[in-house]
Amino acid sequence: MARTQNPALLAQAQAFVDRKYVVTADERQKSMGLGYVTAERTDLAREITNFTSAITAELQAKLADTEKRLNALRAAYRVGDGS
């Protein structure tokens, strides 16, 4: 099993799945702290796609903001440098 490189992202994804899908367990499973989630494959795939699209959009927005700040710093440096 591959190690997760980003535990925060894993936790965020798990919280999303937990909100979307209900865990079901019989009494024996509950006593052992177990349960299972049922979902249609296509529904789960669609939700994973939506989740990753939202994360990607958030990261792209942060990158664009960082690039704007970096460009502003570069411009300020050039002005102060006399170039």
C-alpha atoms as a PDB file:
ATOM      1  CA  MET A   1       0.000   0.000   0.000  1.00  0.00           C
ATOM      2  CA  ALA A   2       1.403   3.403  -0.968  1.00  0.00           C
ATOM      3  CA  ARG A   3       2.060   5.943   1.747  1.00  0.00           C
ATOM      4  CA  THR A   4       0.015   9.127   1.604  1.00  0.00           C
ATOM      5  CA  GLN A   5       2.206  12.128   0.855  1.00  0.00           C
ATOM      6  CA  ASN A   6      -0.286  14.667   2.198  1.00  0.00           C
ATOM      7  CA  PRO A   7      -2.060  13.633   5.420  1.00  0.00           C
ATOM      8  CA  ALA A   8      -4.091  16.864   5.480  1.00  0.00           C
ATOM      9  CA  LEU A   9      -5.471  16.167   2.020  1.00  0.00           C
ATOM     10  CA  LEU A  10      -6.274  12.598   3.011  1.00  0.00           C
ATOM     11  CA  ALA A  11      -8.140  13.865   6.076  1.00  0.00           C
ATOM     12  CA  GLN A  12     -10.033  16.380   3.950  1.00  0.00           C
ATOM     13  CA  ALA A  13     -10.984  13.690   1.436  1.00  0.00           C
ATOM     14  CA  GLN A  14     -12.045  11.307   4.206  1.00  0.00           C
ATOM     15  CA  ALA A  15     -14.203  14.014   5.798  1.00  0.00           C
ATOM     16  CA  PHE A  16     -15.821  14.633   2.418  1.00  0.00           C
ATOM     17  CA  VAL A  17     -16.609  10.949   1.943  1.00  0.00           C
ATOM     18  CA  ASP A  18     -17.903  10.735   5.519  1.00  0.00           C
ATOM     19  CA  ARG A  19     -20.299  13.636   4.853  1.00  0.00           C
ATOM     20  CA  LYS A  20     -21.453  12.181   1.536  1.00  0.00           C
ATOM     21  CA  TYR A  21     -21.873   8.521   2.437  1.00  0.00           C
ATOM     22  CA  VAL A  22     -23.392   6.917   5.513  1.00  0.00           C
ATOM     23  CA  VAL A  23     -21.589   4.126   7.319  1.00  0.00           C
ATOM     24  CA  THR A  24     -23.772   1.075   7.927  1.00  0.00           C
ATOM     25  CA  ALA A  25     -23.056  -1.612  10.496  1.00  0.00           C
ATOM     26  CA  ASP A  26     -24.891  -4.422  12.196  1.00  0.00           C
ATOM     27  CA  GLU A  27     -24.578  -4.926  15.968  1.00  0.00           C
ATOM     28  CA  ARG A  28     -21.606  -7.290  15.646  1.00  0.00           C
ATOM     29  CA  GLN A  29     -19.755  -4.839  13.399  1.00  0.00           C
ATOM     30  CA  LYS A  30     -20.591  -1.914  15.691  1.00  0.00           C
ATOM     31  CA  SER A  31     -19.202  -3.805  18.689  1.00  0.00           C
ATOM     32  CA  MET A  32     -15.898  -4.189  16.814  1.00  0.00           C
ATOM     33  CA  GLY A  33     -15.878  -0.588  15.581  1.00  0.00           C
ATOM     34  CA  LEU A  34     -16.427  -1.696  11.991  1.00  0.00           C
ATOM     35  CA  GLY A  35     -18.867  -0.709   9.291  1.00  0.00           C
ATOM     36  CA  TYR A  36     -19.225  -0.417   5.566  1.00  0.00           C
ATOM     37  CA  VAL A  37     -20.273   2.179   3.069  1.00  0.00           C
ATOM     38  CA  THR A  38     -22.323   1.384   0.012  1.00  0.00           C
ATOM     39  CA  ALA A  39     -22.328   3.607  -3.041  1.00  0.00           C
ATOM     40  CA  GLU A  40     -22.641   3.252  -6.750  1.00  0.00           C
ATOM     41  CA  ARG A  41     -19.291   3.210  -8.502  1.00  0.00           C
ATOM     42  CA  THR A  42     -20.286   5.942 -10.932  1.00  0.00           C
ATOM     43  CA  ASP A  43     -21.618   8.141  -8.132  1.00  0.00           C
ATOM     44  CA  LEU A  44     -18.455   7.747  -6.094  1.00  0.00           C
ATOM     45  CA  ALA A  45     -16.291   8.407  -9.160  1.00  0.00           C
ATOM     46  CA  ARG A  46     -18.308  11.545  -9.917  1.00  0.00           C
ATOM     47  CA  GLU A  47     -17.924  12.793  -6.356  1.00  0.00           C
ATOM     48  CA  ILE A  48     -14.181  12.114  -6.348  1.00  0.00           C
ATOM     49  CA  THR A  49     -13.900  14.060  -9.601  1.00  0.00           C
ATOM     50  CA  ASN A  50     -15.867  16.970  -8.126  1.00  0.00           C
ATOM     51  CA  PHE A  51     -13.736  16.919  -4.982  1.00  0.00           C
ATOM     52  CA  THR A  52     -10.435  16.891  -6.863  1.00  0.00           C
ATOM     53  CA  SER A  53     -11.676  19.577  -9.254  1.00  0.00           C
ATOM     54  CA  ALA A  54     -12.520  21.824  -6.309  1.00  0.00           C
ATOM     55  CA  ILE A  55      -9.117  21.211  -4.715  1.00  0.00           C
ATOM     56  CA  THR A  56      -7.381  21.879  -8.046  1.00  0.00           C
ATOM     57  CA  ALA A  57      -9.295  25.142  -8.525  1.00  0.00           C
ATOM     58  CA  GLU A  58      -8.386  26.234  -4.996  1.00  0.00           C
ATOM     59  CA  LEU A  59      -4.705  25.474  -5.589  1.00  0.00           C
ATOM     60  CA  GLN A  60      -4.731  27.253  -8.959  1.00  0.00           C
ATOM     61  CA  ALA A  61      -6.238  30.353  -7.341  1.00  0.00           C
ATOM     62  CA  LYS A  62      -3.557  30.304  -4.626  1.00  0.00           C
ATOM     63  CA  LEU A  63      -0.859  29.892  -7.290  1.00  0.00           C
ATOM     64  CA  ALA A  64      -2.218  32.830  -9.302  1.00  0.00           C
ATOM     65  CA  ASP A  65      -2.249  34.995  -6.157  1.00  0.00           C
ATOM     66  CA  THR A  66       1.313  33.984  -5.333  1.00  0.00           C
ATOM     67  CA  GLU A  67       2.450  34.764  -8.887  1.00  0.00           C
ATOM     68  CA  LYS A  68       0.839  38.242  -8.662  1.00  0.00           C
ATOM     69  CA  ARG A  69       2.654  38.951  -5.399  1.00  0.00           C
ATOM     70  CA  LEU A  70       5.930  37.653  -6.824  1.00  0.00           C
ATOM     71  CA  ASN A  71       5.569  39.832  -9.914  1.00  0.00           C
ATOM     72  CA  ALA A  72       4.823  42.855  -7.719  1.00  0.00           C
ATOM     73  CA  LEU A  73       7.956  42.148  -5.664  1.00  0.00           C
ATOM     74  CA  ARG A  74      10.028  41.790  -8.835  1.00  0.00           C
ATOM     75  CA  ALA A  75       8.666  45.084 -10.172  1.00  0.00           C
ATOM     76  CA  ALA A  76       9.396  46.836  -6.866  1.00  0.00           C
ATOM     77  CA  TYR A  77      12.932  45.442  -6.860  1.00  0.00           C
ATOM     78  CA  ARG A  78      13.567  46.688 -10.411  1.00  0.00           C
ATOM     79  CA  VAL A  79      12.273  50.160  -9.502  1.00  0.00           C
ATOM     80  CA  GLY A  80      14.476  50.320  -6.394  1.00  0.00           C
ATOM     81  CA  ASP A  81      17.479  48.960  -8.305  1.00  0.00           C
ATOM     82  CA  GLY A  82      17.302  51.697 -10.911  1.00  0.00           C
ATOM     83  CA  SER A  83      17.112  49.166 -13.760  1.00  0.00           C
END
